[in-house]
Amino acid sequence: MTIKLLTEKYGIDKVKDMLSYIDMILDRNKYINLTAVRNKEEAIEKHIVDSLIITDIPEYISSDNIIDVGTGAGFPGIPLAIASPEKNFVLLDSTLKRLKVIEEFAEELDIKNIRTVHERAEEIVRKEEYREQFDICVSRAVANLKKLSEWCLPFVKIGGSFIAYKGDNYVEEIEEAKKTIRKHGGKIEKIVRLPYNENSISGHVLIIIKKIK
């Protein structure tokens, strides 16, 4: 998806903010390790296009409160927050320096619908203010599906969904994660196969797990 296509879908102002965020990340990346991606064109594909791939999913469209577990340098959370200013986002990560950068850049771009949380997922989910409080939990390229299900499903309300961005080994990961998914009240609702993109950082499928109990 080119910048032209992004602009047609999300509007020029939102795309400008997304590109500005990428520029800021790449510039700060010279001093702090935020991303392995160094090239802007590659960053657009891997960090913007890849992040936004869920915006057409019905589960995302109908959601209001979203948590991004293991947000890293703010992906997918920041592009999604720019694309969907009507939704509220919590960006969770265990690395404080990255969250400080996200906060700084979000303030500069006047992104008001995000909040960062410095904590480990497995610890913070024990707190009532986070447990089963979100319509959607998203996670991209953080860990295997078994571990992610253990971390992410407890954040999701009954009736909500955990959406994992996954790669070519997703079948094996699903098999290994089945018991953990059931244990945490989840059921694999569907697998959305994405158009092949050699620049994708997180893979070619979305695994959508519904919280049923």
N, C-alpha and C. Protein backbone atom coordinates (compact mmCIF):
# COMPACT_ATOMS: atom_id res chain seq x y z
N MET A 1 0.86 -1.19 0.00
CA MET A 1 0.00 0.00 0.00
C MET A 1 0.89 1.24 0.00
N THR A 2 0.72 2.07 -1.00
CA THR A 2 1.55 3.27 -1.12
C THR A 2 0.98 4.39 -0.25
N ILE A 3 1.75 5.47 -0.16
CA ILE A 3 1.28 6.65 0.58
C ILE A 3 0.00 7.18 -0.05
N LYS A 4 -0.09 7.12 -1.37
CA LYS A 4 -1.31 7.58 -2.06
C LYS A 4 -2.52 6.77 -1.60
N LEU A 5 -2.37 5.46 -1.53
CA LEU A 5 -3.48 4.61 -1.10
C LEU A 5 -3.82 4.86 0.37
N LEU A 6 -2.81 5.03 1.19
CA LEU A 6 -3.05 5.35 2.60
C LEU A 6 -3.83 6.65 2.72
N THR A 7 -3.44 7.64 1.91
CA THR A 7 -4.11 8.95 1.95
C THR A 7 -5.56 8.83 1.52
N GLU A 8 -5.82 8.04 0.49
CA GLU A 8 -7.19 7.84 0.03
C GLU A 8 -8.06 7.21 1.11
N LYS A 9 -7.46 6.33 1.89
CA LYS A 9 -8.23 5.60 2.90
C LYS A 9 -8.39 6.38 4.20
N TYR A 10 -7.31 7.04 4.65
CA TYR A 10 -7.32 7.65 5.98
C TYR A 10 -7.31 9.18 5.97
N GLY A 11 -7.06 9.78 4.83
CA GLY A 11 -7.02 11.24 4.74
C GLY A 11 -5.61 11.78 4.90
N ILE A 12 -5.37 12.93 4.27
CA ILE A 12 -4.01 13.46 4.22
C ILE A 12 -3.48 13.86 5.59
N ASP A 13 -4.33 14.42 6.46
CA ASP A 13 -3.85 14.87 7.77
C ASP A 13 -3.37 13.71 8.63
N LYS A 14 -4.14 12.63 8.63
CA LYS A 14 -3.76 11.46 9.43
C LYS A 14 -2.48 10.83 8.90
N VAL A 15 -2.37 10.74 7.59
CA VAL A 15 -1.17 10.13 7.00
C VAL A 15 0.06 11.00 7.27
N LYS A 16 -0.11 12.32 7.22
CA LYS A 16 1.01 13.21 7.55
C LYS A 16 1.49 12.97 8.98
N ASP A 17 0.55 12.79 9.90
CA ASP A 17 0.93 12.52 11.29
C ASP A 17 1.65 11.18 11.42
N MET A 18 1.16 10.17 10.69
CA MET A 18 1.82 8.86 10.73
C MET A 18 3.25 8.96 10.20
N LEU A 19 3.42 9.68 9.09
CA LEU A 19 4.75 9.82 8.50
C LEU A 19 5.67 10.65 9.40
N SER A 20 5.11 11.66 10.04
CA SER A 20 5.90 12.45 10.99
C SER A 20 6.37 11.59 12.15
N TYR A 21 5.49 10.73 12.62
CA TYR A 21 5.86 9.83 13.72
C TYR A 21 7.00 8.91 13.30
N ILE A 22 6.92 8.37 12.08
CA ILE A 22 8.00 7.53 11.56
C ILE A 22 9.31 8.31 11.50
N ASP A 23 9.25 9.55 11.00
CA ASP A 23 10.46 10.39 10.93
C ASP A 23 11.07 10.59 12.31
N MET A 24 10.21 10.87 13.29
CA MET A 24 10.68 11.08 14.66
C MET A 24 11.34 9.82 15.23
N ILE A 25 10.70 8.69 15.00
CA ILE A 25 11.23 7.41 15.50
C ILE A 25 12.59 7.12 14.87
N LEU A 26 12.69 7.29 13.56
CA LEU A 26 13.95 6.99 12.87
C LEU A 26 15.06 7.95 13.30
N ASP A 27 14.70 9.20 13.54
CA ASP A 27 15.70 10.17 13.99
C ASP A 27 16.18 9.83 15.40
N ARG A 28 15.25 9.54 16.31
CA ARG A 28 15.62 9.21 17.69
C ARG A 28 16.32 7.85 17.76
N ASN A 29 16.06 7.01 16.76
CA ASN A 29 16.66 5.67 16.73
C ASN A 29 18.18 5.72 16.62
N LYS A 30 18.72 6.86 16.22
CA LYS A 30 20.17 7.03 16.15
C LYS A 30 20.79 7.03 17.54
N TYR A 31 19.97 7.34 18.54
CA TYR A 31 20.48 7.49 19.91
C TYR A 31 19.92 6.45 20.87
N ILE A 32 18.71 5.98 20.59
CA ILE A 32 18.06 4.97 21.43
C ILE A 32 17.58 3.85 20.52
N ASN A 33 17.79 2.62 20.90
CA ASN A 33 17.35 1.49 20.07
C ASN A 33 15.84 1.33 20.17
N LEU A 34 15.14 1.84 19.15
CA LEU A 34 13.68 1.76 19.11
C LEU A 34 13.18 0.73 18.11
N THR A 35 13.88 0.59 16.99
CA THR A 35 13.47 -0.32 15.94
C THR A 35 14.69 -0.78 15.15
N ALA A 36 14.60 -2.01 14.63
CA ALA A 36 15.67 -2.53 13.77
C ALA A 36 15.59 -1.95 12.37
N VAL A 37 14.46 -1.34 12.04
CA VAL A 37 14.26 -0.75 10.72
C VAL A 37 14.96 0.61 10.65
N ARG A 38 15.74 0.83 9.60
CA ARG A 38 16.49 2.08 9.47
C ARG A 38 16.02 2.93 8.28
N ASN A 39 15.35 2.31 7.34
CA ASN A 39 14.96 2.96 6.09
C ASN A 39 13.50 3.41 6.16
N LYS A 40 13.22 4.64 5.71
CA LYS A 40 11.86 5.18 5.85
C LYS A 40 10.83 4.39 5.05
N GLU A 41 11.16 4.06 3.81
CA GLU A 41 10.20 3.31 2.99
C GLU A 41 9.87 1.96 3.63
N GLU A 42 10.90 1.32 4.14
CA GLU A 42 10.70 0.04 4.82
C GLU A 42 9.87 0.24 6.09
N ALA A 43 10.13 1.33 6.80
CA ALA A 43 9.38 1.61 8.03
C ALA A 43 7.91 1.87 7.75
N ILE A 44 7.62 2.52 6.63
CA ILE A 44 6.22 2.77 6.26
C ILE A 44 5.50 1.44 6.08
N GLU A 45 6.14 0.51 5.38
CA GLU A 45 5.52 -0.80 5.14
C GLU A 45 5.42 -1.61 6.43
N LYS A 46 6.52 -1.67 7.17
CA LYS A 46 6.57 -2.57 8.33
C LYS A 46 5.85 -2.02 9.55
N HIS A 47 5.82 -0.70 9.68
CA HIS A 47 5.27 -0.12 10.90
C HIS A 47 3.93 0.59 10.72
N ILE A 48 3.67 1.12 9.53
CA ILE A 48 2.38 1.78 9.32
C ILE A 48 1.40 0.84 8.64
N VAL A 49 1.74 0.39 7.44
CA VAL A 49 0.82 -0.49 6.69
C VAL A 49 0.50 -1.74 7.50
N ASP A 50 1.55 -2.35 8.08
CA ASP A 50 1.37 -3.57 8.86
C ASP A 50 0.45 -3.34 10.07
N SER A 51 0.64 -2.20 10.74
CA SER A 51 -0.18 -1.90 11.91
C SER A 51 -1.64 -1.69 11.55
N LEU A 52 -1.88 -1.02 10.43
CA LEU A 52 -3.24 -0.62 10.05
C LEU A 52 -4.06 -1.74 9.43
N ILE A 53 -3.45 -2.90 9.23
CA ILE A 53 -4.13 -3.98 8.51
C ILE A 53 -5.40 -4.43 9.22
N ILE A 54 -5.52 -4.16 10.53
CA ILE A 54 -6.72 -4.62 11.25
C ILE A 54 -7.89 -3.64 11.17
N THR A 55 -7.71 -2.48 10.56
CA THR A 55 -8.76 -1.47 10.63
C THR A 55 -10.04 -1.84 9.87
N ASP A 56 -9.97 -2.81 8.99
CA ASP A 56 -11.17 -3.26 8.28
C ASP A 56 -11.85 -4.45 8.95
N ILE A 57 -11.26 -4.97 10.02
CA ILE A 57 -11.82 -6.12 10.72
C ILE A 57 -13.02 -5.67 11.55
N PRO A 58 -14.18 -6.36 11.43
CA PRO A 58 -15.38 -5.93 12.18
C PRO A 58 -15.15 -5.80 13.68
N GLU A 59 -14.36 -6.70 14.24
CA GLU A 59 -14.08 -6.65 15.68
C GLU A 59 -13.39 -5.34 16.07
N TYR A 60 -12.53 -4.87 15.20
CA TYR A 60 -11.85 -3.59 15.46
C TYR A 60 -12.81 -2.42 15.28
N ILE A 61 -13.56 -2.46 14.21
CA ILE A 61 -14.48 -1.35 13.90
C ILE A 61 -15.46 -1.10 15.04
N SER A 62 -15.94 -2.17 15.66
CA SER A 62 -16.96 -2.03 16.71
C SER A 62 -16.37 -1.77 18.10
N SER A 63 -15.05 -1.72 18.22
CA SER A 63 -14.42 -1.58 19.53
C SER A 63 -14.26 -0.11 19.93
N ASP A 64 -14.20 0.12 21.25
CA ASP A 64 -13.96 1.46 21.79
C ASP A 64 -12.65 1.55 22.55
N ASN A 65 -12.36 0.51 23.34
CA ASN A 65 -11.18 0.51 24.21
C ASN A 65 -10.23 -0.61 23.81
N ILE A 66 -9.00 -0.25 23.50
CA ILE A 66 -8.03 -1.18 22.93
C ILE A 66 -6.72 -1.11 23.71
N ILE A 67 -6.13 -2.26 23.98
CA ILE A 67 -4.81 -2.31 24.60
C ILE A 67 -3.82 -2.97 23.64
N ASP A 68 -2.67 -2.35 23.50
CA ASP A 68 -1.59 -2.85 22.65
C ASP A 68 -0.50 -3.39 23.58
N VAL A 69 -0.37 -4.71 23.61
CA VAL A 69 0.55 -5.37 24.54
C VAL A 69 1.92 -5.56 23.86
N GLY A 70 2.95 -5.01 24.49
CA GLY A 70 4.29 -5.06 23.91
C GLY A 70 4.42 -4.09 22.77
N THR A 71 4.02 -2.85 23.00
CA THR A 71 3.94 -1.86 21.93
C THR A 71 5.29 -1.47 21.35
N GLY A 72 6.38 -1.66 22.10
CA GLY A 72 7.70 -1.32 21.58
C GLY A 72 7.81 0.17 21.31
N ALA A 73 8.03 0.54 20.06
CA ALA A 73 8.14 1.95 19.67
C ALA A 73 6.79 2.55 19.31
N GLY A 74 5.71 1.85 19.69
CA GLY A 74 4.37 2.40 19.46
C GLY A 74 3.62 1.78 18.30
N PHE A 75 3.95 0.53 17.98
CA PHE A 75 3.29 -0.16 16.87
C PHE A 75 2.66 -1.47 17.34
N PRO A 76 1.40 -1.69 17.02
CA PRO A 76 0.54 -0.93 16.12
C PRO A 76 -0.20 0.25 16.74
N GLY A 77 -0.01 0.51 18.04
CA GLY A 77 -0.86 1.45 18.76
C GLY A 77 -0.94 2.85 18.20
N ILE A 78 0.20 3.46 17.87
CA ILE A 78 0.18 4.86 17.41
C ILE A 78 -0.49 5.01 16.05
N PRO A 79 -0.13 4.24 15.02
CA PRO A 79 -0.86 4.37 13.76
C PRO A 79 -2.36 4.13 13.91
N LEU A 80 -2.74 3.16 14.75
CA LEU A 80 -4.16 2.91 14.97
C LEU A 80 -4.83 4.08 15.67
N ALA A 81 -4.14 4.67 16.65
CA ALA A 81 -4.71 5.81 17.37
C ALA A 81 -4.89 7.02 16.45
N ILE A 82 -3.95 7.21 15.54
CA ILE A 82 -4.08 8.31 14.57
C ILE A 82 -5.24 8.03 13.62
N ALA A 83 -5.34 6.78 13.16
CA ALA A 83 -6.40 6.41 12.21
C ALA A 83 -7.78 6.46 12.85
N SER A 84 -7.86 6.18 14.16
CA SER A 84 -9.15 6.05 14.85
C SER A 84 -9.19 6.94 16.10
N PRO A 85 -9.30 8.26 15.92
CA PRO A 85 -9.27 9.17 17.07
C PRO A 85 -10.45 9.00 18.01
N GLU A 86 -11.49 8.31 17.55
CA GLU A 86 -12.68 8.09 18.39
C GLU A 86 -12.49 6.93 19.36
N LYS A 87 -11.42 6.16 19.20
CA LYS A 87 -11.15 5.02 20.08
C LYS A 87 -10.09 5.39 21.12
N ASN A 88 -10.08 4.65 22.22
CA ASN A 88 -9.10 4.89 23.29
C ASN A 88 -8.09 3.74 23.33
N PHE A 89 -6.81 4.09 23.46
CA PHE A 89 -5.74 3.10 23.40
C PHE A 89 -4.86 3.16 24.65
N VAL A 90 -4.54 1.98 25.18
CA VAL A 90 -3.51 1.84 26.20
C VAL A 90 -2.34 1.13 25.55
N LEU A 91 -1.15 1.73 25.62
CA LEU A 91 0.06 1.15 25.05
C LEU A 91 0.93 0.64 26.19
N LEU A 92 1.06 -0.67 26.26
CA LEU A 92 1.74 -1.33 27.37
C LEU A 92 3.10 -1.86 26.94
N ASP A 93 4.11 -1.57 27.74
CA ASP A 93 5.44 -2.11 27.46
C ASP A 93 6.25 -2.13 28.75
N SER A 94 7.23 -3.01 28.81
CA SER A 94 8.07 -3.13 30.01
C SER A 94 9.33 -2.28 29.92
N THR A 95 9.54 -1.59 28.78
CA THR A 95 10.73 -0.76 28.60
C THR A 95 10.35 0.71 28.69
N LEU A 96 10.74 1.35 29.77
CA LEU A 96 10.31 2.72 30.06
C LEU A 96 10.82 3.72 29.04
N LYS A 97 12.06 3.56 28.57
CA LYS A 97 12.63 4.57 27.67
C LYS A 97 11.83 4.66 26.37
N ARG A 98 11.30 3.54 25.90
CA ARG A 98 10.48 3.58 24.69
C ARG A 98 9.16 4.30 24.95
N LEU A 99 8.57 4.03 26.10
CA LEU A 99 7.30 4.69 26.43
C LEU A 99 7.47 6.19 26.58
N LYS A 100 8.60 6.63 27.12
CA LYS A 100 8.87 8.06 27.25
C LYS A 100 8.94 8.72 25.87
N VAL A 101 9.56 8.02 24.93
CA VAL A 101 9.64 8.53 23.55
C VAL A 101 8.24 8.61 22.94
N ILE A 102 7.44 7.57 23.13
CA ILE A 102 6.07 7.57 22.62
C ILE A 102 5.29 8.76 23.18
N GLU A 103 5.38 8.97 24.48
CA GLU A 103 4.66 10.08 25.12
C GLU A 103 5.10 11.42 24.55
N GLU A 104 6.41 11.59 24.38
CA GLU A 104 6.95 12.84 23.84
C GLU A 104 6.42 13.11 22.44
N PHE A 105 6.49 12.09 21.58
CA PHE A 105 6.08 12.28 20.19
C PHE A 105 4.57 12.42 20.07
N ALA A 106 3.82 11.68 20.89
CA ALA A 106 2.36 11.79 20.86
C ALA A 106 1.92 13.19 21.26
N GLU A 107 2.60 13.76 22.24
CA GLU A 107 2.27 15.14 22.66
C GLU A 107 2.59 16.12 21.54
N GLU A 108 3.72 15.91 20.88
CA GLU A 108 4.12 16.80 19.78
C GLU A 108 3.13 16.75 18.63
N LEU A 109 2.56 15.57 18.38
CA LEU A 109 1.60 15.40 17.29
C LEU A 109 0.16 15.58 17.75
N ASP A 110 -0.02 15.90 19.02
CA ASP A 110 -1.35 16.14 19.60
C ASP A 110 -2.25 14.90 19.48
N ILE A 111 -1.66 13.74 19.75
CA ILE A 111 -2.43 12.49 19.79
C ILE A 111 -2.94 12.33 21.22
N LYS A 112 -4.24 12.52 21.39
CA LYS A 112 -4.80 12.61 22.75
C LYS A 112 -5.50 11.33 23.21
N ASN A 113 -5.62 10.35 22.33
CA ASN A 113 -6.40 9.16 22.68
C ASN A 113 -5.53 7.96 23.04
N ILE A 114 -4.30 8.23 23.51
CA ILE A 114 -3.43 7.14 23.97
C ILE A 114 -2.97 7.40 25.40
N ARG A 115 -2.69 6.30 26.08
CA ARG A 115 -2.09 6.36 27.41
C ARG A 115 -1.05 5.25 27.48
N THR A 116 0.13 5.55 27.96
CA THR A 116 1.16 4.53 28.08
C THR A 116 1.18 3.96 29.49
N VAL A 117 1.53 2.69 29.59
CA VAL A 117 1.64 2.02 30.89
C VAL A 117 2.95 1.23 30.91
N HIS A 118 3.78 1.52 31.91
CA HIS A 118 5.06 0.82 32.05
C HIS A 118 4.88 -0.33 33.03
N GLU A 119 4.77 -1.53 32.50
CA GLU A 119 4.51 -2.70 33.35
C GLU A 119 4.63 -3.95 32.49
N ARG A 120 4.83 -5.07 33.13
CA ARG A 120 4.77 -6.35 32.42
C ARG A 120 3.33 -6.81 32.35
N ALA A 121 2.94 -7.36 31.21
CA ALA A 121 1.55 -7.76 31.00
C ALA A 121 1.09 -8.76 32.05
N GLU A 122 1.94 -9.73 32.37
CA GLU A 122 1.55 -10.79 33.29
C GLU A 122 1.36 -10.28 34.71
N GLU A 123 1.91 -9.10 35.01
CA GLU A 123 1.76 -8.52 36.34
C GLU A 123 0.59 -7.54 36.41
N ILE A 124 0.48 -6.68 35.42
CA ILE A 124 -0.55 -5.64 35.46
C ILE A 124 -1.96 -6.21 35.29
N VAL A 125 -2.07 -7.35 34.61
CA VAL A 125 -3.39 -7.90 34.35
C VAL A 125 -4.06 -8.39 35.63
N ARG A 126 -3.30 -8.52 36.70
CA ARG A 126 -3.88 -8.91 37.99
C ARG A 126 -4.65 -7.76 38.63
N LYS A 127 -4.41 -6.55 38.15
CA LYS A 127 -5.08 -5.39 38.73
C LYS A 127 -6.48 -5.23 38.14
N GLU A 128 -7.44 -4.95 39.01
CA GLU A 128 -8.84 -4.88 38.58
C GLU A 128 -9.08 -3.85 37.50
N GLU A 129 -8.36 -2.74 37.54
CA GLU A 129 -8.61 -1.68 36.56
C GLU A 129 -8.17 -2.05 35.15
N TYR A 130 -7.48 -3.18 35.00
CA TYR A 130 -7.06 -3.64 33.68
C TYR A 130 -7.69 -4.97 33.28
N ARG A 131 -8.02 -5.79 34.22
CA ARG A 131 -8.53 -7.13 33.91
C ARG A 131 -9.94 -7.05 33.31
N GLU A 132 -10.11 -7.64 32.14
CA GLU A 132 -11.39 -7.68 31.41
C GLU A 132 -11.97 -6.28 31.22
N GLN A 133 -11.11 -5.34 30.85
CA GLN A 133 -11.56 -3.95 30.66
C GLN A 133 -11.52 -3.48 29.21
N PHE A 134 -11.09 -4.35 28.29
CA PHE A 134 -10.86 -3.91 26.91
C PHE A 134 -11.69 -4.71 25.91
N ASP A 135 -12.16 -4.00 24.88
CA ASP A 135 -12.90 -4.66 23.80
C ASP A 135 -11.95 -5.47 22.93
N ILE A 136 -10.76 -4.94 22.75
CA ILE A 136 -9.76 -5.57 21.87
C ILE A 136 -8.39 -5.51 22.55
N CYS A 137 -7.66 -6.60 22.46
CA CYS A 137 -6.23 -6.59 22.77
C CYS A 137 -5.49 -6.94 21.49
N VAL A 138 -4.51 -6.13 21.13
CA VAL A 138 -3.70 -6.43 19.95
C VAL A 138 -2.26 -6.66 20.38
N SER A 139 -1.58 -7.52 19.63
CA SER A 139 -0.16 -7.73 19.89
C SER A 139 0.51 -8.17 18.60
N ARG A 140 1.69 -7.62 18.38
CA ARG A 140 2.37 -7.79 17.11
C ARG A 140 3.84 -8.14 17.33
N ALA A 141 4.23 -9.33 16.88
CA ALA A 141 5.64 -9.72 16.88
C ALA A 141 6.29 -9.61 18.26
N VAL A 142 5.63 -10.11 19.27
CA VAL A 142 6.16 -10.03 20.63
C VAL A 142 6.61 -11.39 21.15
N ALA A 143 5.76 -12.40 21.02
CA ALA A 143 6.06 -13.74 21.56
C ALA A 143 5.21 -14.75 20.81
N ASN A 144 5.35 -16.05 21.18
CA ASN A 144 4.53 -17.06 20.51
C ASN A 144 3.08 -16.96 20.99
N LEU A 145 2.17 -17.57 20.25
CA LEU A 145 0.74 -17.41 20.51
C LEU A 145 0.33 -17.96 21.87
N LYS A 146 0.97 -19.03 22.32
CA LYS A 146 0.65 -19.59 23.63
C LYS A 146 0.92 -18.56 24.73
N LYS A 147 2.09 -17.96 24.69
CA LYS A 147 2.45 -16.96 25.69
C LYS A 147 1.58 -15.71 25.55
N LEU A 148 1.35 -15.29 24.33
CA LEU A 148 0.52 -14.11 24.11
C LEU A 148 -0.90 -14.31 24.60
N SER A 149 -1.45 -15.50 24.40
CA SER A 149 -2.81 -15.78 24.86
C SER A 149 -2.89 -15.71 26.38
N GLU A 150 -1.87 -16.20 27.03
CA GLU A 150 -1.79 -16.16 28.49
C GLU A 150 -1.73 -14.72 28.99
N TRP A 151 -1.00 -13.88 28.27
CA TRP A 151 -0.86 -12.48 28.67
C TRP A 151 -2.08 -11.65 28.27
N CYS A 152 -2.60 -11.88 27.07
CA CYS A 152 -3.56 -10.94 26.47
C CYS A 152 -5.03 -11.22 26.77
N LEU A 153 -5.42 -12.49 26.78
CA LEU A 153 -6.85 -12.78 26.97
C LEU A 153 -7.41 -12.24 28.29
N PRO A 154 -6.65 -12.25 29.39
CA PRO A 154 -7.21 -11.69 30.63
C PRO A 154 -7.57 -10.21 30.55
N PHE A 155 -7.00 -9.47 29.62
CA PHE A 155 -7.35 -8.06 29.46
C PHE A 155 -8.71 -7.86 28.80
N VAL A 156 -9.18 -8.89 28.08
CA VAL A 156 -10.33 -8.73 27.19
C VAL A 156 -11.65 -9.02 27.89
N LYS A 157 -12.63 -8.15 27.65
CA LYS A 157 -13.98 -8.37 28.16
C LYS A 157 -14.59 -9.61 27.51
N ILE A 158 -15.53 -10.24 28.20
CA ILE A 158 -16.29 -11.33 27.57
C ILE A 158 -17.04 -10.73 26.38
N GLY A 159 -16.89 -11.38 25.24
CA GLY A 159 -17.47 -10.87 24.00
C GLY A 159 -16.48 -10.08 23.17
N GLY A 160 -15.34 -9.71 23.78
CA GLY A 160 -14.29 -9.00 23.07
C GLY A 160 -13.33 -9.96 22.38
N SER A 161 -12.27 -9.42 21.82
CA SER A 161 -11.35 -10.25 21.04
C SER A 161 -9.89 -9.89 21.28
N PHE A 162 -9.05 -10.92 21.18
CA PHE A 162 -7.60 -10.75 21.14
C PHE A 162 -7.18 -10.98 19.69
N ILE A 163 -6.50 -10.02 19.10
CA ILE A 163 -6.06 -10.12 17.70
C ILE A 163 -4.54 -10.18 17.67
N ALA A 164 -4.02 -11.29 17.17
CA ALA A 164 -2.57 -11.49 17.08
C ALA A 164 -2.12 -11.43 15.63
N TYR A 165 -1.09 -10.66 15.36
CA TYR A 165 -0.45 -10.61 14.04
C TYR A 165 0.56 -11.76 14.01
N LYS A 166 0.41 -12.67 13.06
CA LYS A 166 1.28 -13.85 13.06
C LYS A 166 1.84 -14.17 11.68
N GLY A 167 2.91 -14.98 11.68
CA GLY A 167 3.61 -15.32 10.45
C GLY A 167 3.30 -16.71 9.94
N ASP A 168 4.22 -17.22 9.13
CA ASP A 168 3.97 -18.46 8.40
C ASP A 168 3.84 -19.70 9.28
N ASN A 169 4.36 -19.64 10.50
CA ASN A 169 4.29 -20.82 11.39
C ASN A 169 3.07 -20.77 12.30
N TYR A 170 2.03 -20.05 11.88
CA TYR A 170 0.87 -19.85 12.74
C TYR A 170 0.13 -21.15 13.05
N VAL A 171 0.13 -22.12 12.13
CA VAL A 171 -0.58 -23.38 12.37
C VAL A 171 0.03 -24.10 13.57
N GLU A 172 1.34 -24.17 13.59
CA GLU A 172 2.05 -24.80 14.71
C GLU A 172 1.80 -24.04 16.01
N GLU A 173 1.82 -22.72 15.93
CA GLU A 173 1.59 -21.90 17.12
C GLU A 173 0.17 -22.11 17.67
N ILE A 174 -0.80 -22.21 16.79
CA ILE A 174 -2.19 -22.44 17.22
C ILE A 174 -2.30 -23.76 17.95
N GLU A 175 -1.68 -24.79 17.40
CA GLU A 175 -1.73 -26.12 18.02
C GLU A 175 -1.15 -26.09 19.43
N GLU A 176 -0.03 -25.41 19.58
CA GLU A 176 0.62 -25.32 20.89
C GLU A 176 -0.18 -24.47 21.88
N ALA A 177 -1.00 -23.54 21.35
CA ALA A 177 -1.70 -22.58 22.21
C ALA A 177 -3.12 -22.99 22.58
N LYS A 178 -3.65 -24.06 21.98
CA LYS A 178 -5.07 -24.39 22.14
C LYS A 178 -5.51 -24.51 23.60
N LYS A 179 -4.75 -25.23 24.40
CA LYS A 179 -5.13 -25.44 25.80
C LYS A 179 -5.10 -24.13 26.57
N THR A 180 -4.09 -23.32 26.32
CA THR A 180 -3.97 -22.03 27.00
C THR A 180 -5.12 -21.10 26.62
N ILE A 181 -5.48 -21.11 25.35
CA ILE A 181 -6.60 -20.29 24.89
C ILE A 181 -7.89 -20.68 25.60
N ARG A 182 -8.15 -21.98 25.67
CA ARG A 182 -9.36 -22.46 26.37
C ARG A 182 -9.31 -22.11 27.85
N LYS A 183 -8.15 -22.29 28.46
CA LYS A 183 -7.98 -22.02 29.89
C LYS A 183 -8.35 -20.58 30.24
N HIS A 184 -8.06 -19.66 29.33
CA HIS A 184 -8.32 -18.24 29.59
C HIS A 184 -9.61 -17.75 28.93
N GLY A 185 -10.50 -18.70 28.62
CA GLY A 185 -11.83 -18.33 28.15
C GLY A 185 -11.94 -17.95 26.69
N GLY A 186 -10.92 -18.31 25.90
CA GLY A 186 -10.92 -17.91 24.51
C GLY A 186 -11.32 -19.01 23.54
N LYS A 187 -11.70 -18.59 22.36
CA LYS A 187 -12.02 -19.52 21.27
C LYS A 187 -11.55 -18.87 19.97
N ILE A 188 -10.82 -19.63 19.17
CA ILE A 188 -10.37 -19.07 17.89
C ILE A 188 -11.58 -18.85 17.00
N GLU A 189 -11.84 -17.59 16.70
CA GLU A 189 -13.02 -17.20 15.93
C GLU A 189 -12.76 -17.32 14.44
N LYS A 190 -11.61 -16.79 14.01
CA LYS A 190 -11.26 -16.88 12.59
C LYS A 190 -9.80 -16.53 12.38
N ILE A 191 -9.32 -16.94 11.24
CA ILE A 191 -7.97 -16.61 10.80
C ILE A 191 -8.10 -15.84 9.50
N VAL A 192 -7.59 -14.63 9.50
CA VAL A 192 -7.69 -13.78 8.31
C VAL A 192 -6.35 -13.80 7.60
N ARG A 193 -6.34 -14.35 6.40
CA ARG A 193 -5.11 -14.39 5.61
C ARG A 193 -4.94 -13.07 4.89
N LEU A 194 -3.76 -12.51 4.97
CA LEU A 194 -3.48 -11.19 4.42
C LEU A 194 -2.74 -11.31 3.10
N PRO A 195 -2.85 -10.29 2.25
CA PRO A 195 -2.07 -10.29 1.01
C PRO A 195 -0.59 -10.40 1.33
N TYR A 196 0.14 -11.13 0.53
CA TYR A 196 1.57 -11.32 0.80
C TYR A 196 2.29 -9.98 0.74
N ASN A 197 3.10 -9.73 1.72
CA ASN A 197 3.91 -8.51 1.77
C ASN A 197 5.28 -8.89 2.33
N GLU A 198 6.28 -8.88 1.47
CA GLU A 198 7.61 -9.32 1.90
C GLU A 198 8.22 -8.40 2.95
N ASN A 199 7.66 -7.19 3.09
CA ASN A 199 8.17 -6.25 4.08
C ASN A 199 7.43 -6.32 5.41
N SER A 200 6.46 -7.24 5.52
CA SER A 200 5.72 -7.35 6.77
C SER A 200 6.65 -7.79 7.89
N ILE A 201 6.51 -7.13 9.05
CA ILE A 201 7.36 -7.49 10.18
C ILE A 201 6.73 -8.59 11.02
N SER A 202 5.41 -8.70 10.94
CA SER A 202 4.74 -9.62 11.86
C SER A 202 4.05 -10.79 11.18
N GLY A 203 4.00 -10.81 9.86
CA GLY A 203 3.48 -12.00 9.23
C GLY A 203 2.33 -11.77 8.29
N HIS A 204 1.62 -12.84 7.99
CA HIS A 204 0.64 -12.80 6.92
C HIS A 204 -0.74 -13.27 7.34
N VAL A 205 -0.98 -13.41 8.64
CA VAL A 205 -2.32 -13.75 9.10
C VAL A 205 -2.65 -12.96 10.36
N LEU A 206 -3.95 -12.74 10.55
CA LEU A 206 -4.45 -12.25 11.82
C LEU A 206 -5.22 -13.39 12.47
N ILE A 207 -4.86 -13.73 13.69
CA ILE A 207 -5.60 -14.74 14.43
C ILE A 207 -6.52 -14.01 15.40
N ILE A 208 -7.82 -14.20 15.22
CA ILE A 208 -8.80 -13.50 16.04
C ILE A 208 -9.40 -14.48 17.03
N ILE A 209 -9.14 -14.24 18.30
CA ILE A 209 -9.59 -15.13 19.38
C ILE A 209 -10.65 -14.40 20.20
N LYS A 210 -11.83 -14.97 20.24
CA LYS A 210 -12.93 -14.33 20.97
C LYS A 210 -12.94 -14.80 22.42
N LYS A 211 -13.19 -13.87 23.33
CA LYS A 211 -13.32 -14.20 24.76
C LYS A 211 -14.77 -14.59 25.00
N ILE A 212 -14.99 -15.87 25.30
CA ILE A 212 -16.37 -16.36 25.44
C ILE A 212 -16.77 -16.62 26.88
N LYS A 213 -15.79 -16.67 27.80
CA LYS A 213 -16.15 -16.88 29.21
C LYS A 213 -15.03 -16.39 30.13
